[in-house]
């Protein structure tokens, strides 16, 4: 028994004749008929019986049909997994010379030079060019259009069009005024941060230049292009 025989069996059930099944499967009716006979011979059971010009399942065929459907779905699932995995291995092993990354301004302080260096090492020395766009939606649109290779956005991406990964274990750099209660902390957890206001919604957009200046001074910023 093989995958082709299962495909023949299910398609003949759908079409109720060899000719239409063969057309859909892009093979000859003789090939379908031969495959069904070989399957019946191996199982020792008659799967179809002919009534006029229509093929109907026997009682044995009706019992076997759901099992065959599940088996074929499992096999196709394994094949799809293998194909995706091969593509991932191919991408990982390929020497990437240039990778375009897009992200909104609020995330550029996270995507710093050490992060780029880790990515470059993982992908065999590939060069990562980072561009800053207006917002996460713009980044996702450019990713969908193929204009960038990676989009880093805040929040959950509710779509099946992208392969997405959460970056929850990334280090977050916090910039506060010298008189802020957290200024004396070398590090702070989220509970501590939640106790103090960092910035109001209305004025956080004006922090960009200050954040840029601080991280440029530390040599952590990759070159960015504004769009």
N, C-alpha and C. Protein backbone atom coordinates (compact mmCIF):
# COMPACT_ATOMS: atom_id res chain seq x y z
N UNK A 1 0.83 -1.18 0.00
CA UNK A 1 0.00 0.00 0.00
C UNK A 1 0.88 1.25 0.00
N UNK A 2 0.49 2.25 -0.79
CA UNK A 2 1.26 3.48 -0.83
C UNK A 2 0.32 4.69 -0.92
N UNK A 3 0.94 5.87 -0.88
CA UNK A 3 0.17 7.11 -0.89
C UNK A 3 -0.66 7.24 -2.17
N UNK A 4 -0.08 6.87 -3.30
CA UNK A 4 -0.78 6.98 -4.59
C UNK A 4 -2.05 6.15 -4.59
N UNK A 5 -1.97 4.93 -4.07
CA UNK A 5 -3.15 4.07 -4.02
C UNK A 5 -4.25 4.68 -3.15
N UNK A 6 -3.86 5.28 -2.03
CA UNK A 6 -4.85 5.95 -1.17
C UNK A 6 -5.48 7.13 -1.89
N UNK A 7 -4.67 7.88 -2.63
CA UNK A 7 -5.21 9.00 -3.40
C UNK A 7 -6.19 8.52 -4.46
N UNK A 8 -5.86 7.43 -5.13
CA UNK A 8 -6.76 6.86 -6.13
C UNK A 8 -8.08 6.44 -5.48
N UNK A 9 -7.98 5.75 -4.36
CA UNK A 9 -9.16 5.24 -3.66
C UNK A 9 -10.11 6.39 -3.27
N UNK A 10 -9.55 7.45 -2.69
CA UNK A 10 -10.38 8.58 -2.24
C UNK A 10 -10.96 9.33 -3.43
N UNK A 11 -10.19 9.49 -4.48
CA UNK A 11 -10.67 10.25 -5.64
C UNK A 11 -11.74 9.47 -6.42
N UNK A 12 -11.60 8.17 -6.51
CA UNK A 12 -12.63 7.37 -7.16
C UNK A 12 -13.93 7.43 -6.35
N UNK A 13 -13.79 7.44 -5.03
CA UNK A 13 -14.99 7.61 -4.18
C UNK A 13 -15.65 8.95 -4.47
N UNK A 14 -14.86 10.02 -4.60
CA UNK A 14 -15.41 11.36 -4.87
C UNK A 14 -16.11 11.41 -6.23
N UNK A 15 -15.46 10.84 -7.25
CA UNK A 15 -15.95 10.97 -8.63
C UNK A 15 -16.90 9.86 -9.06
N UNK A 16 -16.81 8.72 -8.38
CA UNK A 16 -17.65 7.56 -8.66
C UNK A 16 -17.38 6.93 -10.03
N UNK A 17 -16.23 7.25 -10.61
CA UNK A 17 -15.80 6.55 -11.84
C UNK A 17 -14.30 6.79 -12.02
N UNK A 18 -13.68 5.92 -12.80
CA UNK A 18 -12.23 6.00 -13.01
C UNK A 18 -11.85 7.19 -13.90
N UNK A 19 -12.66 7.48 -14.89
CA UNK A 19 -12.31 8.48 -15.88
C UNK A 19 -12.17 9.88 -15.26
N UNK A 20 -13.17 10.31 -14.51
CA UNK A 20 -13.12 11.64 -13.89
C UNK A 20 -12.01 11.72 -12.84
N UNK A 21 -11.85 10.63 -12.09
CA UNK A 21 -10.78 10.59 -11.09
C UNK A 21 -9.41 10.73 -11.75
N UNK A 22 -9.24 10.04 -12.87
CA UNK A 22 -7.97 10.09 -13.59
C UNK A 22 -7.70 11.50 -14.12
N UNK A 23 -8.73 12.18 -14.60
CA UNK A 23 -8.56 13.54 -15.12
C UNK A 23 -8.07 14.48 -14.03
N UNK A 24 -8.68 14.39 -12.86
CA UNK A 24 -8.28 15.25 -11.73
C UNK A 24 -6.86 14.92 -11.28
N UNK A 25 -6.52 13.64 -11.31
CA UNK A 25 -5.20 13.20 -10.83
C UNK A 25 -4.12 13.30 -11.92
N UNK A 26 -4.53 13.67 -13.14
CA UNK A 26 -3.60 13.80 -14.28
C UNK A 26 -2.89 12.48 -14.60
N UNK A 27 -3.65 11.40 -14.56
CA UNK A 27 -3.13 10.09 -14.96
C UNK A 27 -4.17 9.45 -15.88
N UNK A 28 -3.87 8.27 -16.36
CA UNK A 28 -4.81 7.57 -17.23
C UNK A 28 -5.83 6.80 -16.39
N UNK A 29 -7.04 6.57 -16.94
CA UNK A 29 -8.02 5.74 -16.22
C UNK A 29 -7.50 4.34 -15.93
N UNK A 30 -6.65 3.83 -16.85
CA UNK A 30 -6.08 2.50 -16.64
C UNK A 30 -5.18 2.47 -15.40
N UNK A 31 -4.44 3.57 -15.20
CA UNK A 31 -3.56 3.64 -14.04
C UNK A 31 -4.37 3.63 -12.75
N UNK A 32 -5.49 4.38 -12.75
CA UNK A 32 -6.34 4.42 -11.55
C UNK A 32 -6.95 3.05 -11.30
N UNK A 33 -7.48 2.43 -12.35
CA UNK A 33 -8.08 1.11 -12.22
C UNK A 33 -7.07 0.08 -11.71
N UNK A 34 -5.88 0.13 -12.25
CA UNK A 34 -4.82 -0.80 -11.83
C UNK A 34 -4.44 -0.57 -10.38
N UNK A 35 -4.37 0.73 -9.96
CA UNK A 35 -4.03 1.04 -8.57
C UNK A 35 -5.08 0.54 -7.60
N UNK A 36 -6.36 0.67 -7.98
CA UNK A 36 -7.44 0.19 -7.12
C UNK A 36 -7.39 -1.33 -7.00
N UNK A 37 -7.18 -1.99 -8.12
CA UNK A 37 -7.10 -3.46 -8.10
C UNK A 37 -5.93 -3.93 -7.24
N UNK A 38 -4.79 -3.24 -7.33
CA UNK A 38 -3.63 -3.62 -6.52
C UNK A 38 -3.92 -3.42 -5.03
N UNK A 39 -4.64 -2.34 -4.70
CA UNK A 39 -4.99 -2.09 -3.30
C UNK A 39 -5.96 -3.14 -2.79
N UNK A 40 -6.95 -3.47 -3.60
CA UNK A 40 -7.91 -4.51 -3.20
C UNK A 40 -7.22 -5.86 -3.04
N UNK A 41 -6.27 -6.15 -3.92
CA UNK A 41 -5.54 -7.42 -3.84
C UNK A 41 -4.71 -7.50 -2.57
N UNK A 42 -4.06 -6.38 -2.23
CA UNK A 42 -3.23 -6.37 -1.02
C UNK A 42 -4.08 -6.49 0.24
N UNK A 43 -5.24 -5.83 0.25
CA UNK A 43 -6.11 -5.89 1.42
C UNK A 43 -6.92 -7.17 1.48
N UNK A 44 -7.11 -7.79 0.31
CA UNK A 44 -7.96 -8.99 0.27
C UNK A 44 -9.43 -8.65 0.42
N UNK A 45 -9.80 -7.43 0.05
CA UNK A 45 -11.17 -6.96 0.21
C UNK A 45 -11.60 -6.19 -1.04
N UNK A 46 -12.87 -6.35 -1.43
CA UNK A 46 -13.42 -5.59 -2.54
C UNK A 46 -13.86 -4.23 -2.01
N UNK A 47 -13.34 -3.14 -2.61
CA UNK A 47 -13.61 -1.80 -2.12
C UNK A 47 -14.75 -1.12 -2.89
N UNK A 48 -14.88 -1.42 -4.17
CA UNK A 48 -15.92 -0.80 -5.00
C UNK A 48 -16.75 -1.86 -5.70
N UNK A 49 -17.98 -1.52 -5.96
CA UNK A 49 -18.84 -2.36 -6.80
C UNK A 49 -19.55 -1.44 -7.80
N UNK A 50 -19.72 -1.94 -9.02
CA UNK A 50 -20.29 -1.12 -10.08
C UNK A 50 -21.80 -1.35 -10.20
N UNK A 51 -22.54 -0.23 -10.18
CA UNK A 51 -23.99 -0.27 -10.39
C UNK A 51 -24.29 0.63 -11.58
N UNK A 52 -24.53 0.00 -12.71
CA UNK A 52 -24.67 0.77 -13.94
C UNK A 52 -23.31 1.34 -14.32
N UNK A 53 -23.23 2.66 -14.47
CA UNK A 53 -21.96 3.30 -14.82
C UNK A 53 -21.29 3.94 -13.60
N UNK A 54 -21.84 3.71 -12.43
CA UNK A 54 -21.34 4.38 -11.23
C UNK A 54 -20.68 3.37 -10.29
N UNK A 55 -19.53 3.75 -9.75
CA UNK A 55 -18.82 2.94 -8.77
C UNK A 55 -19.25 3.35 -7.36
N UNK A 56 -19.67 2.38 -6.58
CA UNK A 56 -20.08 2.63 -5.20
C UNK A 56 -19.15 1.87 -4.25
N UNK A 57 -18.98 2.41 -3.07
CA UNK A 57 -18.19 1.72 -2.06
C UNK A 57 -18.94 0.49 -1.57
N UNK A 58 -18.21 -0.60 -1.36
CA UNK A 58 -18.77 -1.75 -0.67
C UNK A 58 -18.82 -1.45 0.82
N UNK A 59 -19.38 -2.34 1.59
CA UNK A 59 -19.38 -2.15 3.04
C UNK A 59 -17.96 -2.04 3.58
N UNK A 60 -17.05 -2.85 3.00
CA UNK A 60 -15.64 -2.78 3.43
C UNK A 60 -15.04 -1.41 3.06
N UNK A 61 -15.37 -0.93 1.86
CA UNK A 61 -14.86 0.36 1.43
C UNK A 61 -15.34 1.49 2.31
N UNK A 62 -16.61 1.42 2.75
CA UNK A 62 -17.14 2.45 3.64
C UNK A 62 -16.43 2.44 4.99
N UNK A 63 -16.07 1.27 5.47
CA UNK A 63 -15.34 1.17 6.74
C UNK A 63 -13.92 1.71 6.61
N UNK A 64 -13.31 1.45 5.45
CA UNK A 64 -11.91 1.84 5.24
C UNK A 64 -11.78 3.32 4.90
N UNK A 65 -12.81 3.93 4.30
CA UNK A 65 -12.71 5.31 3.83
C UNK A 65 -12.24 6.30 4.89
N UNK A 66 -12.86 6.39 6.09
CA UNK A 66 -12.39 7.37 7.08
C UNK A 66 -10.95 7.12 7.53
N UNK A 67 -10.57 5.83 7.58
CA UNK A 67 -9.19 5.50 7.95
C UNK A 67 -8.23 5.99 6.88
N UNK A 68 -8.63 5.79 5.62
CA UNK A 68 -7.78 6.24 4.50
C UNK A 68 -7.66 7.76 4.48
N UNK A 69 -8.76 8.46 4.75
CA UNK A 69 -8.73 9.93 4.78
C UNK A 69 -7.78 10.43 5.87
N UNK A 70 -7.86 9.83 7.05
CA UNK A 70 -6.97 10.24 8.15
C UNK A 70 -5.52 9.92 7.82
N UNK A 71 -5.29 8.75 7.23
CA UNK A 71 -3.93 8.35 6.89
C UNK A 71 -3.32 9.29 5.86
N UNK A 72 -4.12 9.63 4.82
CA UNK A 72 -3.61 10.52 3.77
C UNK A 72 -3.35 11.91 4.33
N UNK A 73 -4.24 12.40 5.20
CA UNK A 73 -4.03 13.71 5.81
C UNK A 73 -2.76 13.73 6.65
N UNK A 74 -2.50 12.65 7.37
CA UNK A 74 -1.28 12.57 8.19
C UNK A 74 -0.04 12.56 7.31
N UNK A 75 -0.08 11.80 6.24
CA UNK A 75 1.06 11.73 5.32
C UNK A 75 1.32 13.10 4.69
N UNK A 76 0.25 13.75 4.23
CA UNK A 76 0.40 15.07 3.62
C UNK A 76 0.91 16.09 4.64
N UNK A 77 0.49 15.94 5.89
CA UNK A 77 0.99 16.82 6.94
C UNK A 77 2.49 16.64 7.16
N UNK A 78 2.93 15.39 7.14
CA UNK A 78 4.37 15.10 7.29
C UNK A 78 5.14 15.68 6.10
N UNK A 79 4.59 15.51 4.90
CA UNK A 79 5.26 16.05 3.71
C UNK A 79 5.36 17.58 3.76
N UNK A 80 4.27 18.24 4.22
CA UNK A 80 4.28 19.70 4.32
C UNK A 80 5.30 20.15 5.36
N UNK A 81 5.35 19.45 6.49
CA UNK A 81 6.33 19.79 7.54
C UNK A 81 7.75 19.64 7.01
N UNK A 82 7.99 18.55 6.29
CA UNK A 82 9.33 18.31 5.76
C UNK A 82 9.73 19.40 4.78
N UNK A 83 8.79 19.83 3.94
CA UNK A 83 9.09 20.87 2.96
C UNK A 83 9.43 22.20 3.65
N UNK A 84 8.63 22.58 4.64
CA UNK A 84 8.89 23.82 5.38
C UNK A 84 10.23 23.75 6.10
N UNK A 85 10.51 22.58 6.71
CA UNK A 85 11.76 22.42 7.44
C UNK A 85 12.96 22.50 6.50
N UNK A 86 12.84 21.90 5.31
CA UNK A 86 13.94 21.98 4.34
C UNK A 86 14.20 23.43 3.93
N UNK A 87 13.13 24.20 3.77
CA UNK A 87 13.29 25.60 3.40
C UNK A 87 13.99 26.37 4.51
N UNK A 88 13.61 26.08 5.76
CA UNK A 88 14.25 26.76 6.89
C UNK A 88 15.73 26.41 6.98
N UNK A 89 16.05 25.12 6.76
CA UNK A 89 17.45 24.70 6.79
C UNK A 89 18.22 25.38 5.67
N UNK A 90 17.59 25.46 4.50
CA UNK A 90 18.23 26.11 3.36
C UNK A 90 18.53 27.57 3.64
N UNK A 91 17.55 28.26 4.27
CA UNK A 91 17.74 29.67 4.60
C UNK A 91 18.86 29.84 5.61
N UNK A 92 18.87 28.96 6.63
CA UNK A 92 19.88 29.05 7.69
C UNK A 92 21.28 28.80 7.13
N UNK A 93 21.40 27.87 6.19
CA UNK A 93 22.71 27.50 5.66
C UNK A 93 23.18 28.43 4.54
N UNK A 94 22.25 29.22 4.01
CA UNK A 94 22.61 30.11 2.91
C UNK A 94 23.40 31.31 3.45
N UNK A 95 24.42 31.69 2.74
CA UNK A 95 25.20 32.87 3.12
C UNK A 95 24.43 34.12 2.70
N UNK A 96 23.83 34.78 3.67
CA UNK A 96 23.03 35.96 3.39
C UNK A 96 23.94 37.19 3.30
N UNK A 97 23.96 37.86 2.19
CA UNK A 97 24.82 39.02 2.01
C UNK A 97 24.14 40.31 2.45
N UNK A 98 22.80 40.34 2.41
CA UNK A 98 22.10 41.56 2.77
C UNK A 98 20.69 41.23 3.25
N UNK A 99 20.34 41.69 4.42
CA UNK A 99 19.01 41.49 4.98
C UNK A 99 18.45 42.84 5.38
N UNK A 100 17.30 43.20 4.81
CA UNK A 100 16.67 44.49 5.11
C UNK A 100 15.69 44.31 6.26
N UNK A 101 15.89 45.10 7.31
CA UNK A 101 15.05 45.05 8.51
C UNK A 101 14.31 46.36 8.65
N UNK A 102 13.01 46.30 8.89
CA UNK A 102 12.21 47.49 9.10
C UNK A 102 11.58 47.47 10.48
N UNK A 103 11.54 48.62 11.14
CA UNK A 103 10.93 48.71 12.45
C UNK A 103 10.48 50.14 12.73
N UNK A 104 9.49 50.32 13.60
CA UNK A 104 9.02 51.67 13.94
C UNK A 104 10.00 52.36 14.89
N UNK A 105 9.93 53.69 15.01
CA UNK A 105 10.89 54.42 15.85
C UNK A 105 10.95 53.95 17.30
N UNK A 106 9.83 53.55 17.87
CA UNK A 106 9.80 53.19 19.28
C UNK A 106 10.66 51.97 19.59
N UNK A 107 10.98 51.16 18.57
CA UNK A 107 11.75 49.93 18.79
C UNK A 107 13.20 50.04 18.37
N UNK A 108 13.61 51.17 17.83
CA UNK A 108 14.99 51.25 17.33
C UNK A 108 16.02 51.22 18.45
N UNK A 109 15.63 51.61 19.65
CA UNK A 109 16.59 51.55 20.76
C UNK A 109 16.88 50.11 21.18
N UNK A 110 15.93 49.20 20.90
CA UNK A 110 16.17 47.80 21.21
C UNK A 110 17.07 47.15 20.17
N UNK A 111 16.86 47.50 18.89
CA UNK A 111 17.58 46.82 17.82
C UNK A 111 18.93 47.49 17.63
N UNK A 112 19.84 47.18 18.54
CA UNK A 112 21.13 47.86 18.55
C UNK A 112 22.24 47.01 17.93
N UNK A 113 23.46 47.51 17.98
CA UNK A 113 24.57 46.84 17.31
C UNK A 113 24.86 45.44 17.85
N UNK A 114 24.84 45.20 19.17
CA UNK A 114 25.05 43.83 19.64
C UNK A 114 24.02 42.85 19.08
N UNK A 115 22.77 43.31 18.93
CA UNK A 115 21.74 42.46 18.35
C UNK A 115 22.07 42.14 16.90
N UNK A 116 22.50 43.15 16.15
CA UNK A 116 22.89 42.94 14.76
C UNK A 116 24.06 41.96 14.66
N UNK A 117 25.01 42.08 15.57
CA UNK A 117 26.17 41.20 15.54
C UNK A 117 25.76 39.74 15.78
N UNK A 118 24.81 39.52 16.70
CA UNK A 118 24.33 38.16 16.97
C UNK A 118 23.62 37.59 15.75
N UNK A 119 22.80 38.39 15.10
CA UNK A 119 22.11 37.94 13.90
C UNK A 119 23.10 37.62 12.77
N UNK A 120 24.09 38.48 12.62
CA UNK A 120 25.08 38.29 11.58
C UNK A 120 25.84 36.98 11.79
N UNK A 121 26.18 36.69 13.04
CA UNK A 121 26.89 35.46 13.35
C UNK A 121 26.01 34.24 13.08
N UNK A 122 24.73 34.33 13.43
CA UNK A 122 23.81 33.21 13.24
C UNK A 122 23.62 32.90 11.76
N UNK A 123 23.59 33.93 10.93
CA UNK A 123 23.35 33.75 9.50
C UNK A 123 24.62 33.91 8.68
N UNK A 124 25.69 33.31 9.16
CA UNK A 124 26.93 33.16 8.38
C UNK A 124 27.48 34.49 7.88
N UNK A 125 27.47 35.48 8.76
CA UNK A 125 28.11 36.75 8.40
C UNK A 125 27.29 37.66 7.52
N UNK A 126 25.99 37.45 7.45
CA UNK A 126 25.15 38.33 6.64
C UNK A 126 25.12 39.75 7.18
N UNK A 127 24.91 40.71 6.30
CA UNK A 127 24.86 42.11 6.67
C UNK A 127 23.42 42.55 6.84
N UNK A 128 23.10 43.16 7.97
CA UNK A 128 21.74 43.59 8.28
C UNK A 128 21.64 45.10 8.19
N UNK A 129 20.79 45.57 7.29
CA UNK A 129 20.56 47.00 7.13
C UNK A 129 19.22 47.35 7.77
N UNK A 130 19.23 48.26 8.73
CA UNK A 130 18.03 48.61 9.47
C UNK A 130 17.48 49.94 8.97
N UNK A 131 16.18 49.98 8.70
CA UNK A 131 15.50 51.20 8.27
C UNK A 131 14.34 51.48 9.22
N UNK A 132 14.13 52.73 9.53
CA UNK A 132 13.07 53.12 10.45
C UNK A 132 11.90 53.71 9.67
N UNK A 133 10.70 53.18 9.93
CA UNK A 133 9.50 53.64 9.23
C UNK A 133 8.51 54.26 10.23
N UNK A 134 7.41 54.77 9.71
CA UNK A 134 6.47 55.52 10.55
C UNK A 134 5.86 54.68 11.66
N UNK A 135 5.46 53.44 11.34
CA UNK A 135 4.78 52.61 12.33
C UNK A 135 4.89 51.14 11.94
N UNK A 136 4.39 50.26 12.86
CA UNK A 136 4.46 48.83 12.62
C UNK A 136 3.65 48.38 11.42
N UNK A 137 2.51 49.04 11.19
CA UNK A 137 1.68 48.68 10.04
C UNK A 137 2.39 48.88 8.72
N UNK A 138 3.15 49.97 8.64
CA UNK A 138 3.94 50.23 7.43
C UNK A 138 4.99 49.14 7.23
N UNK A 139 5.62 48.73 8.33
CA UNK A 139 6.64 47.67 8.25
C UNK A 139 6.04 46.37 7.73
N UNK A 140 4.86 46.00 8.25
CA UNK A 140 4.22 44.76 7.82
C UNK A 140 3.80 44.83 6.35
N UNK A 141 3.34 45.99 5.89
CA UNK A 141 2.97 46.16 4.49
C UNK A 141 4.18 45.99 3.58
N UNK A 142 5.31 46.56 3.99
CA UNK A 142 6.54 46.44 3.20
C UNK A 142 7.05 45.00 3.19
N UNK A 143 6.88 44.31 4.32
CA UNK A 143 7.27 42.90 4.40
C UNK A 143 6.42 42.07 3.45
N UNK A 144 5.12 42.33 3.43
CA UNK A 144 4.21 41.61 2.56
C UNK A 144 4.54 41.87 1.09
N UNK A 145 4.98 43.09 0.77
CA UNK A 145 5.32 43.45 -0.61
C UNK A 145 6.70 42.96 -1.01
N UNK A 146 7.48 42.42 -0.06
CA UNK A 146 8.81 41.94 -0.36
C UNK A 146 9.88 43.02 -0.39
N UNK A 147 9.56 44.23 0.12
CA UNK A 147 10.54 45.31 0.10
C UNK A 147 11.52 45.22 1.27
N UNK A 148 11.13 44.53 2.34
CA UNK A 148 12.04 44.25 3.44
C UNK A 148 11.95 42.76 3.77
N UNK A 149 12.96 42.24 4.47
CA UNK A 149 13.01 40.82 4.78
C UNK A 149 12.48 40.50 6.17
N UNK A 150 12.64 41.44 7.10
CA UNK A 150 12.22 41.25 8.49
C UNK A 150 11.53 42.51 8.97
N UNK A 151 10.41 42.36 9.67
CA UNK A 151 9.73 43.50 10.31
C UNK A 151 9.68 43.24 11.80
N UNK A 152 10.10 44.22 12.58
CA UNK A 152 10.02 44.12 14.04
C UNK A 152 8.97 45.11 14.50
N UNK A 153 7.89 44.61 15.10
CA UNK A 153 6.77 45.47 15.48
C UNK A 153 6.38 45.18 16.93
N UNK A 154 5.69 46.13 17.52
CA UNK A 154 5.17 45.97 18.88
C UNK A 154 3.77 45.39 18.81
N UNK A 155 3.48 44.39 19.64
CA UNK A 155 2.16 43.79 19.65
C UNK A 155 2.10 42.50 18.87
N UNK A 156 0.93 41.86 18.91
CA UNK A 156 0.74 40.57 18.27
C UNK A 156 0.34 40.74 16.81
N UNK A 157 0.89 39.90 15.95
CA UNK A 157 0.56 39.93 14.54
C UNK A 157 -0.50 38.86 14.28
N UNK A 158 -1.72 39.29 14.04
CA UNK A 158 -2.83 38.35 13.85
C UNK A 158 -3.03 38.05 12.36
N UNK A 159 -2.11 37.31 11.80
CA UNK A 159 -2.23 36.95 10.39
C UNK A 159 -1.43 35.69 10.12
N UNK A 160 -1.87 34.94 9.13
CA UNK A 160 -1.14 33.73 8.71
C UNK A 160 -0.20 34.01 7.56
N UNK A 161 -0.07 35.29 7.19
CA UNK A 161 0.77 35.64 6.05
C UNK A 161 2.24 35.70 6.41
N UNK A 162 2.55 35.76 7.71
CA UNK A 162 3.94 35.91 8.13
C UNK A 162 4.32 34.80 9.10
N UNK A 163 5.61 34.51 9.14
CA UNK A 163 6.15 33.69 10.22
C UNK A 163 6.60 34.64 11.31
N UNK A 164 6.01 34.55 12.50
CA UNK A 164 6.29 35.52 13.55
C UNK A 164 6.86 34.84 14.78
N UNK A 165 7.68 35.59 15.52
CA UNK A 165 8.30 35.10 16.74
C UNK A 165 8.24 36.21 17.79
N UNK A 166 7.96 35.82 19.02
CA UNK A 166 7.94 36.79 20.11
C UNK A 166 9.37 37.04 20.60
N UNK A 167 9.68 38.29 20.87
CA UNK A 167 11.01 38.67 21.36
C UNK A 167 10.88 39.14 22.80
N UNK A 168 10.34 38.26 23.65
CA UNK A 168 10.04 38.66 25.02
C UNK A 168 11.26 38.63 25.94
N UNK A 169 12.31 37.97 25.51
CA UNK A 169 13.48 37.86 26.37
C UNK A 169 14.54 38.91 26.06
N UNK A 170 14.17 39.94 25.28
CA UNK A 170 15.14 40.96 24.93
C UNK A 170 15.36 41.93 26.09
N UNK A 171 16.56 42.43 26.21
CA UNK A 171 16.86 43.43 27.24
C UNK A 171 16.24 44.77 26.83
N UNK A 172 15.57 45.41 27.77
CA UNK A 172 14.94 46.70 27.52
C UNK A 172 15.75 47.79 28.20
N UNK A 173 16.15 48.81 27.45
CA UNK A 173 16.90 49.93 28.00
C UNK A 173 15.94 51.04 28.39
N UNK A 174 16.07 51.51 29.62
CA UNK A 174 15.16 52.51 30.17
C UNK A 174 15.91 53.82 30.40
N UNK A 175 15.39 54.91 29.84
CA UNK A 175 16.01 56.23 29.97
C UNK A 175 15.09 57.13 30.77
N UNK A 176 15.57 57.63 31.91
CA UNK A 176 14.76 58.50 32.76
C UNK A 176 15.56 59.73 33.16
N UNK A 177 14.88 60.75 33.70
CA UNK A 177 15.55 61.94 34.21
C UNK A 177 16.39 61.59 35.43
N UNK A 178 17.40 62.39 35.70
CA UNK A 178 18.31 62.10 36.81
C UNK A 178 17.62 62.13 38.17
N UNK A 179 16.51 62.87 38.27
CA UNK A 179 15.79 62.94 39.55
C UNK A 179 14.63 61.94 39.63
N UNK A 180 14.51 61.06 38.64
CA UNK A 180 13.45 60.06 38.65
C UNK A 180 13.76 58.99 39.69
N UNK A 181 12.73 58.44 40.38
CA UNK A 181 12.98 57.41 41.41
C UNK A 181 13.76 56.20 40.91
N UNK A 182 13.69 55.90 39.62
CA UNK A 182 14.40 54.74 39.09
C UNK A 182 15.81 55.06 38.63
N UNK A 183 16.20 56.32 38.69
CA UNK A 183 17.51 56.73 38.16
C UNK A 183 18.66 56.06 38.91
N UNK A 184 18.47 55.74 40.17
CA UNK A 184 19.54 55.13 40.97
C UNK A 184 19.61 53.61 40.81
N UNK A 185 18.67 53.03 40.05
CA UNK A 185 18.64 51.58 39.86
C UNK A 185 19.48 51.18 38.64
N UNK A 186 20.38 50.23 38.84
CA UNK A 186 21.14 49.71 37.69
C UNK A 186 20.23 48.87 36.79
N UNK A 187 19.22 48.23 37.40
CA UNK A 187 18.25 47.44 36.66
C UNK A 187 16.93 47.47 37.41
N UNK A 188 15.85 47.28 36.72
CA UNK A 188 14.53 47.31 37.35
C UNK A 188 13.63 46.28 36.67
N UNK A 189 12.81 45.58 37.47
CA UNK A 189 11.86 44.65 36.87
C UNK A 189 10.57 45.39 36.50
N UNK A 190 9.66 44.70 35.85
CA UNK A 190 8.45 45.35 35.38
C UNK A 190 7.58 45.85 36.51
N UNK A 191 7.58 45.15 37.65
CA UNK A 191 6.78 45.61 38.79
C UNK A 191 7.27 46.95 39.30
N UNK A 192 8.58 47.12 39.31
CA UNK A 192 9.14 48.40 39.77
C UNK A 192 8.83 49.51 38.77
N UNK A 193 8.94 49.19 37.49
CA UNK A 193 8.66 50.19 36.46
C UNK A 193 7.20 50.63 36.52
N UNK A 194 6.30 49.66 36.79
CA UNK A 194 4.88 49.96 36.81
C UNK A 194 4.48 50.93 37.92
N UNK A 195 5.33 51.08 38.94
CA UNK A 195 4.99 51.95 40.06
C UNK A 195 5.23 53.42 39.77
N UNK A 196 5.99 53.71 38.71
CA UNK A 196 6.36 55.09 38.44
C UNK A 196 6.00 55.45 36.99
N UNK A 197 5.53 56.66 36.80
CA UNK A 197 5.26 57.09 35.41
C UNK A 197 6.57 57.32 34.65
N UNK A 198 6.66 56.79 33.45
CA UNK A 198 7.85 56.97 32.62
C UNK A 198 7.64 58.12 31.65
N UNK A 199 6.50 58.12 30.95
CA UNK A 199 6.20 59.19 30.00
C UNK A 199 4.70 59.19 29.75
N UNK A 200 4.15 60.33 29.55
CA UNK A 200 2.75 60.43 29.19
C UNK A 200 2.57 60.09 27.71
N UNK A 201 1.40 59.57 27.37
CA UNK A 201 1.13 59.21 25.98
C UNK A 201 1.32 60.40 25.04
N UNK A 202 0.96 61.59 25.51
CA UNK A 202 1.01 62.76 24.64
C UNK A 202 2.43 63.23 24.35
N UNK A 203 3.39 62.88 25.19
CA UNK A 203 4.72 63.43 24.98
C UNK A 203 5.79 62.39 24.67
N UNK A 204 5.43 61.07 24.61
CA UNK A 204 6.45 60.05 24.39
C UNK A 204 7.08 60.18 23.01
N UNK A 205 6.34 60.69 22.04
CA UNK A 205 6.90 60.82 20.69
C UNK A 205 8.04 61.84 20.64
N UNK A 206 8.08 62.75 21.60
CA UNK A 206 9.13 63.76 21.59
C UNK A 206 10.41 63.28 22.27
N UNK A 207 10.41 62.03 22.75
CA UNK A 207 11.60 61.47 23.40
C UNK A 207 12.58 60.88 22.39
N UNK A 208 12.18 60.77 21.13
CA UNK A 208 13.00 60.06 20.16
C UNK A 208 14.41 60.62 20.03
N UNK A 209 14.52 61.94 19.90
CA UNK A 209 15.85 62.53 19.72
C UNK A 209 16.71 62.32 20.95
N UNK A 210 16.10 62.39 22.13
CA UNK A 210 16.86 62.20 23.36
C UNK A 210 17.37 60.75 23.46
N UNK A 211 16.51 59.80 23.10
CA UNK A 211 16.92 58.40 23.13
C UNK A 211 18.02 58.15 22.10
N UNK A 212 17.82 58.70 20.89
CA UNK A 212 18.84 58.55 19.85
C UNK A 212 20.19 59.08 20.32
N UNK A 213 20.17 60.24 20.93
CA UNK A 213 21.41 60.87 21.37
C UNK A 213 22.12 60.02 22.42
N UNK A 214 21.35 59.49 23.36
CA UNK A 214 21.94 58.69 24.44
C UNK A 214 22.59 57.41 23.90
N UNK A 215 21.90 56.73 23.00
CA UNK A 215 22.44 55.48 22.50
C UNK A 215 23.54 55.68 21.46
N UNK A 216 23.47 56.74 20.71
CA UNK A 216 24.57 57.07 19.81
C UNK A 216 25.84 57.35 20.60
N UNK A 217 25.67 58.00 21.75
CA UNK A 217 26.82 58.29 22.61
C UNK A 217 27.46 57.00 23.11
N UNK A 218 26.63 55.97 23.34
CA UNK A 218 27.14 54.68 23.81
C UNK A 218 27.62 53.79 22.66
N UNK A 219 27.42 54.26 21.42
CA UNK A 219 27.85 53.48 20.26
C UNK A 219 27.00 52.25 20.01
N UNK A 220 25.73 52.30 20.41
CA UNK A 220 24.86 51.13 20.28
C UNK A 220 23.94 51.18 19.07
N UNK A 221 23.86 52.33 18.44
CA UNK A 221 22.90 52.48 17.33
C UNK A 221 23.51 52.09 16.00
N UNK A 222 22.81 51.26 15.23
CA UNK A 222 23.24 51.05 13.84
C UNK A 222 22.79 52.26 13.01
N UNK A 223 23.38 52.46 11.85
CA UNK A 223 22.94 53.55 10.98
C UNK A 223 21.48 53.31 10.56
N UNK A 224 20.65 54.33 10.67
CA UNK A 224 19.24 54.20 10.33
C UNK A 224 18.87 55.20 9.26
N UNK A 225 17.90 54.79 8.42
CA UNK A 225 17.38 55.70 7.42
C UNK A 225 15.94 56.01 7.76
N UNK A 226 15.57 57.25 7.77
CA UNK A 226 14.20 57.67 8.07
C UNK A 226 13.33 57.59 6.82
N UNK A 227 12.09 57.11 7.00
CA UNK A 227 11.12 57.07 5.91
C UNK A 227 9.82 57.67 6.39
